[in-house]
C-alpha atoms as a PDB file:
ATOM      1  CA  MET A   1     -60.920 -38.503  -9.843  1.00  0.00           C
ATOM      2  CA  SER A   2     -62.557 -35.606  -8.070  1.00  0.00           C
ATOM      3  CA  ILE A   3     -61.416 -32.030  -8.472  1.00  0.00           C
ATOM      4  CA  PRO A   4     -60.352 -31.615  -4.808  1.00  0.00           C
ATOM      5  CA  LEU A   5     -58.131 -34.671  -5.113  1.00  0.00           C
ATOM      6  CA  LEU A   6     -56.551 -33.352  -8.304  1.00  0.00           C
ATOM      7  CA  PHE A   7     -55.992 -30.039  -6.605  1.00  0.00           C
ATOM      8  CA  ALA A   8     -54.287 -31.753  -3.658  1.00  0.00           C
ATOM      9  CA  VAL A   9     -52.077 -33.822  -5.967  1.00  0.00           C
ATOM     10  CA  ALA A  10     -51.061 -30.676  -7.864  1.00  0.00           C
ATOM     11  CA  ILE A  11     -50.139 -28.929  -4.607  1.00  0.00           C
ATOM     12  CA  VAL A  12     -48.061 -31.905  -3.481  1.00  0.00           C
ATOM     13  CA  ALA A  13     -46.316 -32.053  -6.858  1.00  0.00           C
ATOM     14  CA  LEU A  14     -45.547 -28.326  -6.816  1.00  0.00           C
ATOM     15  CA  TYR A  15     -44.207 -28.606  -3.267  1.00  0.00           C
ATOM     16  CA  PHE A  16     -42.024 -31.544  -4.256  1.00  0.00           C
ATOM     17  CA  PHE A  17     -40.543 -29.739  -7.254  1.00  0.00           C
ATOM     18  CA  SER A  18     -39.978 -26.556  -5.249  1.00  0.00           C
ATOM     19  CA  SER A  19     -38.064 -28.608  -2.700  1.00  0.00           C
ATOM     20  CA  ILE A  20     -35.473 -29.607  -5.290  1.00  0.00           C
ATOM     21  CA  ASN A  21     -32.303 -27.515  -5.173  1.00  0.00           C
ATOM     22  CA  ILE A  22     -29.418 -28.131  -7.561  1.00  0.00           C
ATOM     23  CA  LEU A  23     -25.981 -27.100  -6.310  1.00  0.00           C
ATOM     24  CA  LYS A  24     -23.142 -26.599  -8.777  1.00  0.00           C
ATOM     25  CA  GLU A  25     -19.769 -28.277  -8.424  1.00  0.00           C
ATOM     26  CA  TYR A  26     -18.262 -25.218  -6.723  1.00  0.00           C
ATOM     27  CA  GLU A  27     -21.234 -24.670  -4.378  1.00  0.00           C
ATOM     28  CA  ARG A  28     -22.108 -26.085  -1.011  1.00  0.00           C
ATOM     29  CA  GLY A  29     -25.329 -25.702   0.933  1.00  0.00           C
ATOM     30  CA  VAL A  30     -25.513 -25.158   4.688  1.00  0.00           C
ATOM     31  CA  ILE A  31     -28.900 -26.533   5.732  1.00  0.00           C
ATOM     32  CA  PHE A  32     -30.775 -25.392   8.832  1.00  0.00           C
ATOM     33  CA  ARG A  33     -33.565 -27.709   9.999  1.00  0.00           C
ATOM     34  CA  LEU A  34     -35.781 -26.184  12.674  1.00  0.00           C
ATOM     35  CA  GLY A  35     -32.961 -23.718  13.359  1.00  0.00           C
ATOM     36  CA  HIS A  36     -30.297 -26.377  13.875  1.00  0.00           C
ATOM     37  CA  VAL A  37     -27.492 -26.593  11.361  1.00  0.00           C
ATOM     38  CA  LYS A  38     -26.348 -29.820   9.816  1.00  0.00           C
ATOM     39  CA  GLN A  39     -22.665 -30.311  10.490  1.00  0.00           C
ATOM     40  CA  THR A  40     -21.904 -31.483   6.953  1.00  0.00           C
ATOM     41  CA  ALA A  41     -22.582 -29.076   4.128  1.00  0.00           C
ATOM     42  CA  ALA A  42     -24.661 -30.526   1.304  1.00  0.00           C
ATOM     43  CA  GLY A  43     -23.748 -30.657  -2.362  1.00  0.00           C
ATOM     44  CA  PRO A  44     -22.922 -30.666  -5.104  1.00  0.00           C
ATOM     45  CA  GLY A  45     -25.887 -32.125  -6.968  1.00  0.00           C
ATOM     46  CA  VAL A  46     -29.553 -32.405  -6.008  1.00  0.00           C
ATOM     47  CA  VAL A  47     -30.508 -31.387  -2.478  1.00  0.00           C
ATOM     48  CA  PHE A  48     -34.063 -31.563  -1.091  1.00  0.00           C
ATOM     49  CA  ILE A  49     -35.144 -28.669   1.111  1.00  0.00           C
ATOM     50  CA  PHE A  50     -38.522 -29.099   2.780  1.00  0.00           C
ATOM     51  CA  ARG A  51     -39.683 -25.602   3.601  1.00  0.00           C
ATOM     52  CA  PRO A  52     -40.589 -24.127   6.018  1.00  0.00           C
ATOM     53  CA  LEU A  53     -38.795 -26.707   8.152  1.00  0.00           C
ATOM     54  CA  ASP A  54     -35.543 -26.348   6.228  1.00  0.00           C
ATOM     55  CA  GLN A  55     -33.524 -23.364   5.096  1.00  0.00           C
ATOM     56  CA  ILE A  56     -30.422 -23.381   2.907  1.00  0.00           C
ATOM     57  CA  VAL A  57     -27.549 -20.942   2.579  1.00  0.00           C
ATOM     58  CA  ARG A  58     -25.409 -21.305  -0.544  1.00  0.00           C
ATOM     59  CA  ILE A  59     -21.654 -20.826  -0.213  1.00  0.00           C
ATOM     60  CA  SER A  60     -19.204 -20.690  -3.106  1.00  0.00           C
ATOM     61  CA  LEU A  61     -15.903 -22.532  -2.757  1.00  0.00           C
ATOM     62  CA  ARG A  62     -14.204 -20.622  -5.585  1.00  0.00           C
ATOM     63  CA  GLN A  63     -11.391 -18.203  -4.897  1.00  0.00           C
ATOM     64  CA  GLU A  64     -12.444 -14.594  -4.542  1.00  0.00           C
ATOM     65  CA  ALA A  65     -10.258 -11.554  -5.152  1.00  0.00           C
ATOM     66  CA  MET A  66     -10.862  -8.682  -2.757  1.00  0.00           C
ATOM     67  CA  GLU A  67      -9.251  -5.286  -3.066  1.00  0.00           C
ATOM     68  CA  VAL A  68      -8.212  -3.595   0.143  1.00  0.00           C
ATOM     69  CA  PRO A  69      -8.946   0.158  -0.005  1.00  0.00           C
ATOM     70  CA  ALA A  70      -5.976   2.511  -0.001  1.00  0.00           C
ATOM     71  CA  GLN A  71      -4.637   2.965   3.523  1.00  0.00           C
ATOM     72  CA  ASP A  72      -2.657   5.892   4.934  1.00  0.00           C
ATOM     73  CA  VAL A  73       0.562   4.358   6.231  1.00  0.00           C
ATOM     74  CA  ILE A  74       3.405   6.069   8.111  1.00  0.00           C
ATOM     75  CA  THR A  75       6.581   4.037   7.772  1.00  0.00           C
ATOM     76  CA  ARG A  76       9.238   3.666  10.426  1.00  0.00           C
ATOM     77  CA  ASP A  77      11.280   6.484   8.858  1.00  0.00           C
ATOM     78  CA  ASN A  78       8.225   8.822   8.996  1.00  0.00           C
ATOM     79  CA  VAL A  79       7.256   8.713   5.322  1.00  0.00           C
ATOM     80  CA  THR A  80       3.535   9.055   4.603  1.00  0.00           C
ATOM     81  CA  LEU A  81       2.247   6.658   1.948  1.00  0.00           C
ATOM     82  CA  LYS A  82      -1.005   5.443   0.472  1.00  0.00           C
ATOM     83  CA  VAL A  83      -0.934   1.672   0.018  1.00  0.00           C
ATOM     84  CA  ASN A  84      -3.574  -0.709  -1.259  1.00  0.00           C
ATOM     85  CA  ALA A  85      -3.489  -4.461  -1.716  1.00  0.00           C
ATOM     86  CA  VAL A  86      -5.313  -7.391  -3.300  1.00  0.00           C
ATOM     87  CA  ILE A  87      -6.286 -10.435  -1.242  1.00  0.00           C
ATOM     88  CA  THR A  88      -7.240 -13.815  -2.664  1.00  0.00           C
ATOM     89  CA  LEU A  89      -9.337 -15.983  -0.353  1.00  0.00           C
ATOM     90  CA  ARG A  90     -11.543 -19.054  -0.449  1.00  0.00           C
ATOM     91  CA  VAL A  91     -13.939 -20.823   1.894  1.00  0.00           C
ATOM     92  CA  VAL A  92     -12.660 -24.161   3.205  1.00  0.00           C
ATOM     93  CA  ASP A  93     -15.393 -24.797   5.774  1.00  0.00           C
ATOM     94  CA  PRO A  94     -18.826 -23.570   4.606  1.00  0.00           C
ATOM     95  CA  THR A  95     -20.537 -24.329   7.911  1.00  0.00           C
ATOM     96  CA  LYS A  96     -18.158 -22.163   9.950  1.00  0.00           C
ATOM     97  CA  ALA A  97     -18.280 -19.395   7.339  1.00  0.00           C
ATOM     98  CA  VAL A  98     -22.063 -19.198   7.850  1.00  0.00           C
ATOM     99  CA  ILE A  99     -22.522 -19.652  11.577  1.00  0.00           C
ATOM    100  CA  GLU A 100     -19.335 -18.062  12.982  1.00  0.00           C
ATOM    101  CA  VAL A 101     -19.516 -14.649  11.254  1.00  0.00           C
ATOM    102  CA  ALA A 102     -22.245 -12.538   9.723  1.00  0.00           C
ATOM    103  CA  ASN A 103     -20.217 -11.603   6.621  1.00  0.00           C
ATOM    104  CA  TYR A 104     -16.861 -13.300   6.171  1.00  0.00           C
ATOM    105  CA  ILE A 105     -15.819 -11.058   3.251  1.00  0.00           C
ATOM    106  CA  TYR A 106     -16.423  -7.855   5.201  1.00  0.00           C
ATOM    107  CA  GLN A 107     -14.649  -9.191   8.271  1.00  0.00           C
ATOM    108  CA  THR A 108     -11.663 -10.339   6.221  1.00  0.00           C
ATOM    109  CA  SER A 109     -11.501  -6.883   4.641  1.00  0.00           C
ATOM    110  CA  GLN A 110     -11.364  -5.220   8.057  1.00  0.00           C
ATOM    111  CA  PHE A 111      -8.633  -7.567   9.244  1.00  0.00           C
ATOM    112  CA  ALA A 112      -6.685  -6.844   6.049  1.00  0.00           C
ATOM    113  CA  GLN A 113      -6.873  -3.060   6.466  1.00  0.00           C
ATOM    114  CA  THR A 114      -5.638  -3.060  10.049  1.00  0.00           C
ATOM    115  CA  THR A 115      -2.918  -5.632   9.335  1.00  0.00           C
ATOM    116  CA  LEU A 116      -1.712  -3.699   6.296  1.00  0.00           C
ATOM    117  CA  ARG A 117      -1.277  -0.516   8.337  1.00  0.00           C
ATOM    118  CA  SER A 118       0.405  -2.207  11.279  1.00  0.00           C
ATOM    119  CA  VAL A 119       2.875  -4.333   9.285  1.00  0.00           C
ATOM    120  CA  LEU A 120       3.939  -1.634   6.833  1.00  0.00           C
ATOM    121  CA  GLY A 121       4.293   0.851   9.680  1.00  0.00           C
ATOM    122  CA  GLU A 122       7.057  -1.298  11.169  1.00  0.00           C
ATOM    123  CA  VAL A 123       9.378  -1.069   8.144  1.00  0.00           C
ATOM    124  CA  ASP A 124      11.119   1.833   6.453  1.00  0.00           C
ATOM    125  CA  LEU A 125      10.502   2.952   2.886  1.00  0.00           C
ATOM    126  CA  ASP A 126      13.518   1.149   1.436  1.00  0.00           C
ATOM    127  CA  GLY A 127      12.456  -2.092   3.089  1.00  0.00           C
ATOM    128  CA  LEU A 128       8.930  -1.718   1.738  1.00  0.00           C
ATOM    129  CA  LEU A 129      10.159  -1.245  -1.811  1.00  0.00           C
ATOM    130  CA  ALA A 130      12.930  -3.850  -1.729  1.00  0.00           C
ATOM    131  CA  HIS A 131      11.347  -6.650   0.329  1.00  0.00           C
ATOM    132  CA  ARG A 132       7.737  -6.542  -0.793  1.00  0.00           C
ATOM    133  CA  GLU A 133       7.499 -10.310  -1.265  1.00  0.00           C
ATOM    134  CA  ALA A 134       8.497 -11.013   2.339  1.00  0.00           C
ATOM    135  CA  LEU A 135       5.996  -8.422   3.553  1.00  0.00           C
ATOM    136  CA  ASN A 136       3.246 -10.035   1.468  1.00  0.00           C
ATOM    137  CA  ILE A 137       3.907 -13.407   3.078  1.00  0.00           C
ATOM    138  CA  ARG A 138       3.942 -11.882   6.552  1.00  0.00           C
ATOM    139  CA  ILE A 139       0.649 -10.060   5.991  1.00  0.00           C
ATOM    140  CA  GLN A 140      -0.895 -13.239   4.563  1.00  0.00           C
ATOM    141  CA  ASN A 141       0.080 -15.297   7.608  1.00  0.00           C
ATOM    142  CA  ILE A 142      -1.343 -12.726  10.022  1.00  0.00           C
ATOM    143  CA  ILE A 143      -4.664 -12.383   8.185  1.00  0.00           C
ATOM    144  CA  ASP A 144      -4.938 -16.145   7.747  1.00  0.00           C
ATOM    145  CA  GLY A 145      -4.531 -16.573  11.488  1.00  0.00           C
ATOM    146  CA  HIS A 146      -7.552 -14.300  12.008  1.00  0.00           C
ATOM    147  CA  THR A 147      -9.762 -15.918   9.354  1.00  0.00           C
ATOM    148  CA  SER A 148      -9.037 -19.604   9.938  1.00  0.00           C
ATOM    149  CA  PRO A 149     -11.455 -19.847  12.943  1.00  0.00           C
ATOM    150  CA  PHE A 150     -14.407 -19.119  10.647  1.00  0.00           C
ATOM    151  CA  GLY A 151     -13.343 -21.395   7.804  1.00  0.00           C
ATOM    152  CA  VAL A 152     -11.728 -18.940   5.376  1.00  0.00           C
ATOM    153  CA  LYS A 153      -8.277 -19.500   3.881  1.00  0.00           C
ATOM    154  CA  VAL A 154      -6.254 -16.508   2.678  1.00  0.00           C
ATOM    155  CA  VAL A 155      -4.462 -17.807  -0.402  1.00  0.00           C
ATOM    156  CA  SER A 156      -2.294 -14.772  -1.203  1.00  0.00           C
ATOM    157  CA  VAL A 157      -1.772 -11.105  -0.412  1.00  0.00           C
ATOM    158  CA  GLU A 158      -0.165  -8.697  -2.877  1.00  0.00           C
ATOM    159  CA  VAL A 159       0.666  -5.076  -2.145  1.00  0.00           C
ATOM    160  CA  LYS A 160      -0.741  -3.556  -5.301  1.00  0.00           C
ATOM    161  CA  GLN A 161       0.296   0.086  -5.373  1.00  0.00           C
ATOM    162  CA  VAL A 162       2.406   2.436  -3.269  1.00  0.00           C
ATOM    163  CA  ASP A 163       1.656   6.128  -3.773  1.00  0.00           C
ATOM    164  CA  MET A 164       4.353   8.499  -2.520  1.00  0.00           C
ATOM    165  CA  PRO A 165       4.319  12.304  -2.246  1.00  0.00           C
ATOM    166  CA  GLU A 166       5.832  14.331  -5.079  1.00  0.00           C
ATOM    167  CA  SER A 167       8.577  15.648  -2.800  1.00  0.00           C
ATOM    168  CA  MET A 168       9.617  12.106  -1.955  1.00  0.00           C
ATOM    169  CA  LEU A 169       9.661  11.115  -5.626  1.00  0.00           C
ATOM    170  CA  ARG A 170      11.942  14.070  -6.425  1.00  0.00           C
ATOM    171  CA  ALA A 171      14.236  13.192  -3.531  1.00  0.00           C
ATOM    172  CA  MET A 172      14.449   9.575  -4.695  1.00  0.00           C
ATOM    173  CA  ALA A 173      15.232  10.733  -8.245  1.00  0.00           C
ATOM    174  CA  LYS A 174      18.073  12.921  -6.932  1.00  0.00           C
ATOM    175  CA  GLN A 175      19.366  10.049  -4.842  1.00  0.00           C
ATOM    176  CA  ALA A 176      19.341   7.699  -7.833  1.00  0.00           C
ATOM    177  CA  GLU A 177      21.129  10.296  -9.969  1.00  0.00           C
ATOM    178  CA  ALA A 178      23.799  10.816  -7.320  1.00  0.00           C
ATOM    179  CA  GLU A 179      24.256   7.065  -7.021  1.00  0.00           C
ATOM    180  CA  ARG A 180      24.769   6.761 -10.778  1.00  0.00           C
ATOM    181  CA  GLU A 181      27.333   9.575 -10.738  1.00  0.00           C
ATOM    182  CA  ARG A 182      29.160   7.882  -7.864  1.00  0.00           C
ATOM    183  CA  ARG A 183      29.321   4.605  -9.780  1.00  0.00           C
ATOM    184  CA  ALA A 184      30.496   6.393 -12.934  1.00  0.00           C
ATOM    185  CA  LYS A 185      33.335   8.097 -11.035  1.00  0.00           C
ATOM    186  CA  ILE A 186      34.359   4.828  -9.409  1.00  0.00           C
ATOM    187  CA  ILE A 187      34.389   3.033 -12.756  1.00  0.00           C
ATOM    188  CA  HIS A 188      36.411   5.865 -14.319  1.00  0.00           C
ATOM    189  CA  ALA A 189      38.916   5.791 -11.434  1.00  0.00           C
ATOM    190  CA  GLU A 190      39.248   2.020 -11.691  1.00  0.00           C
ATOM    191  CA  GLY A 191      39.898   2.379 -15.423  1.00  0.00           C
ATOM    192  CA  GLU A 192      42.606   4.969 -14.780  1.00  0.00           C
ATOM    193  CA  PHE A 193      44.157   2.736 -12.125  1.00  0.00           C
ATOM    194  CA  ASN A 194      44.195  -0.296 -14.420  1.00  0.00           C
ATOM    195  CA  ALA A 195      45.654   1.777 -17.274  1.00  0.00           C
ATOM    196  CA  ALA A 196      48.390   3.123 -14.994  1.00  0.00           C
ATOM    197  CA  ALA A 197      49.199  -0.390 -13.795  1.00  0.00           C
ATOM    198  CA  LYS A 198      49.512  -1.622 -17.364  1.00  0.00           C
ATOM    199  CA  LEU A 199      51.758   1.326 -18.246  1.00  0.00           C
ATOM    200  CA  VAL A 200      54.017   0.494 -15.311  1.00  0.00           C
ATOM    201  CA  GLU A 201      54.230  -3.103 -16.496  1.00  0.00           C
ATOM    202  CA  ALA A 202      54.999  -1.943 -20.038  1.00  0.00           C
ATOM    203  CA  ALA A 203      57.707   0.429 -18.780  1.00  0.00           C
ATOM    204  CA  ALA A 204      59.287  -2.338 -16.725  1.00  0.00           C
ATOM    205  CA  LEU A 205      59.262  -4.614 -19.750  1.00  0.00           C
ATOM    206  CA  MET A 206      60.798  -1.959 -21.982  1.00  0.00           C
ATOM    207  CA  ALA A 207      63.504  -1.288 -19.378  1.00  0.00           C
ATOM    208  CA  THR A 208      64.771  -4.841 -19.770  1.00  0.00           C
ATOM    209  CA  GLN A 209      65.190  -4.380 -23.529  1.00  0.00           C
ATOM    210  CA  PRO A 210      66.155  -0.776 -24.487  1.00  0.00           C
ATOM    211  CA  MET A 211      65.694  -1.601 -28.167  1.00  0.00           C
ATOM    212  CA  THR A 212      61.926  -1.906 -27.650  1.00  0.00           C
ATOM    213  CA  LEU A 213      61.721   1.833 -27.056  1.00  0.00           C
ATOM    214  CA  GLN A 214      63.321   2.498 -30.423  1.00  0.00           C
ATOM    215  CA  LEU A 215      60.941   0.050 -32.092  1.00  0.00           C
ATOM    216  CA  ARG A 216      58.021   1.766 -30.450  1.00  0.00           C
ATOM    217  CA  TYR A 217      59.345   5.090 -31.698  1.00  0.00           C
ATOM    218  CA  LEU A 218      59.511   3.792 -35.278  1.00  0.00           C
ATOM    219  CA  GLN A 219      56.019   2.311 -34.994  1.00  0.00           C
ATOM    220  CA  THR A 220      54.666   5.682 -33.875  1.00  0.00           C
ATOM    221  CA  LEU A 221      56.250   7.366 -36.910  1.00  0.00           C
ATOM    222  CA  THR A 222      54.657   4.738 -39.138  1.00  0.00           C
ATOM    223  CA  GLU A 223      51.217   5.369 -37.644  1.00  0.00           C
ATOM    224  CA  ILE A 224      51.647   9.114 -38.143  1.00  0.00           C
ATOM    225  CA  GLY A 225      52.647   8.618 -41.777  1.00  0.00           C
ATOM    226  CA  VAL A 226      49.553   6.513 -42.507  1.00  0.00           C
ATOM    227  CA  GLU A 227      47.284   9.481 -41.692  1.00  0.00           C
ATOM    228  CA  LYS A 228      49.029  11.577 -44.440  1.00  0.00           C
ATOM    229  CA  ASN A 229      49.796  14.408 -42.068  1.00  0.00           C
ATOM    230  CA  THR A 230      52.008  17.271 -43.190  1.00  0.00           C
ATOM    231  CA  THR A 231      53.440  17.760 -39.701  1.00  0.00           C
ATOM    232  CA  ILE A 232      55.608  15.140 -38.078  1.00  0.00           C
ATOM    233  CA  VAL A 233      56.585  15.454 -34.445  1.00  0.00           C
ATOM    234  CA  PHE A 234      59.970  13.997 -33.487  1.00  0.00           C
ATOM    235  CA  PRO A 235      60.133  13.313 -29.761  1.00  0.00           C
ATOM    236  CA  LEU A 236      63.424  13.996 -28.055  1.00  0.00           C
ATOM    237  CA  PRO A 237      64.767  11.351 -25.703  1.00  0.00           C
ATOM    238  CA  MET A 238      64.600  12.314 -22.024  1.00  0.00           C
ATOM    239  CA  GLU A 239      68.257  11.354 -21.619  1.00  0.00           C
ATOM    240  CA  LEU A 240      69.243  14.068 -24.105  1.00  0.00           C
ATOM    241  CA  MET A 241      67.206  16.654 -22.207  1.00  0.00           C
ATOM    242  CA  ASN A 242      68.874  15.629 -18.915  1.00  0.00           C
ATOM    243  CA  LEU A 243      72.322  15.872 -20.533  1.00  0.00           C
ATOM    244  CA  LEU A 244      71.592  19.393 -21.762  1.00  0.00           C
ATOM    245  CA  ASN A 245      70.390  20.416 -18.306  1.00  0.00           C
ATOM    246  CA  ARG A 246      73.550  19.100 -16.668  1.00  0.00           C
ATOM    247  CA  THR A 247      75.771  20.912 -19.121  1.00  0.00           C
ATOM    248  CA  LEU A 248      73.943  24.261 -18.918  1.00  0.00           C
ATOM    249  CA  VAL A 249      73.377  24.494 -15.163  1.00  0.00           C
ATOM    250  CA  PRO A 250      77.107  24.564 -14.146  1.00  0.00           C
ATOM    251  CA  ASN A 251      77.875  27.279 -16.730  1.00  0.00           C
ATOM    252  CA  THR A 252      75.102  29.415 -15.315  1.00  0.00           C
ATOM    253  CA  GLY A 253      76.529  29.018 -11.851  1.00  0.00           C
ATOM    254  CA  ASP A 254      80.031  30.026 -13.006  1.00  0.00           C
ATOM    255  CA  THR A 255      78.684  33.152 -14.703  1.00  0.00           C
ATOM    256  CA  LYS A 256      77.053  34.292 -11.482  1.00  0.00           C
ATOM    257  CA  LYS A 257      80.317  33.809  -9.541  1.00  0.00           C
ATOM    258  CA  ASP A 258      82.229  35.969 -11.963  1.00  0.00           C
END
């Protein structure tokens, strides 16, 4: 075999091996032949690309996490915040992701920034903090509506961090403290009300059986004696005090008439 023939065979072999492209399970290849794209993306496995007639663009089908830069947001109640988010997306149509947009990640990021500002600007601060999950779903649906024409699916959107001014943090701390004090006073008042109601019930029960008051009096003396106190207080019945008042008041009136 002549040297020129060997040289030609070697060139053909090198061209053949260079035409072999191996795509991983999560990769797809969009092939352009003479500038025209094949409608079905190739892969995974071995794909032959005959350059310069063919060109291949590799697209990953794995989910990608993209962080949205912190955005200055003014809520509906005129509170200035800095809010960032994390978006999870994946390519569902590799052909559209290549031919419809120049950079699907950059375009998705721009859609996310504008949507984040517009959606969060429509709610007040309390709604943002209390209903974050509903806002995440709303933002996801809006962004997904923008990205679906070029074959990108937004899997999830999570508002990552909300930075508030120091003055607002102090005001919220004061509000929380006042709310706790209000609840404490309400609980204390309810306890006093329940105690008073029970005392009324006990008094009504004792009124039906006058002997119970005497038994309660003896029980109190017993409890005082257990503590080994040197001072014992004997309560006077209210009836005795009323009797003394009735007997003394008329005498005082007669003295003044004399």
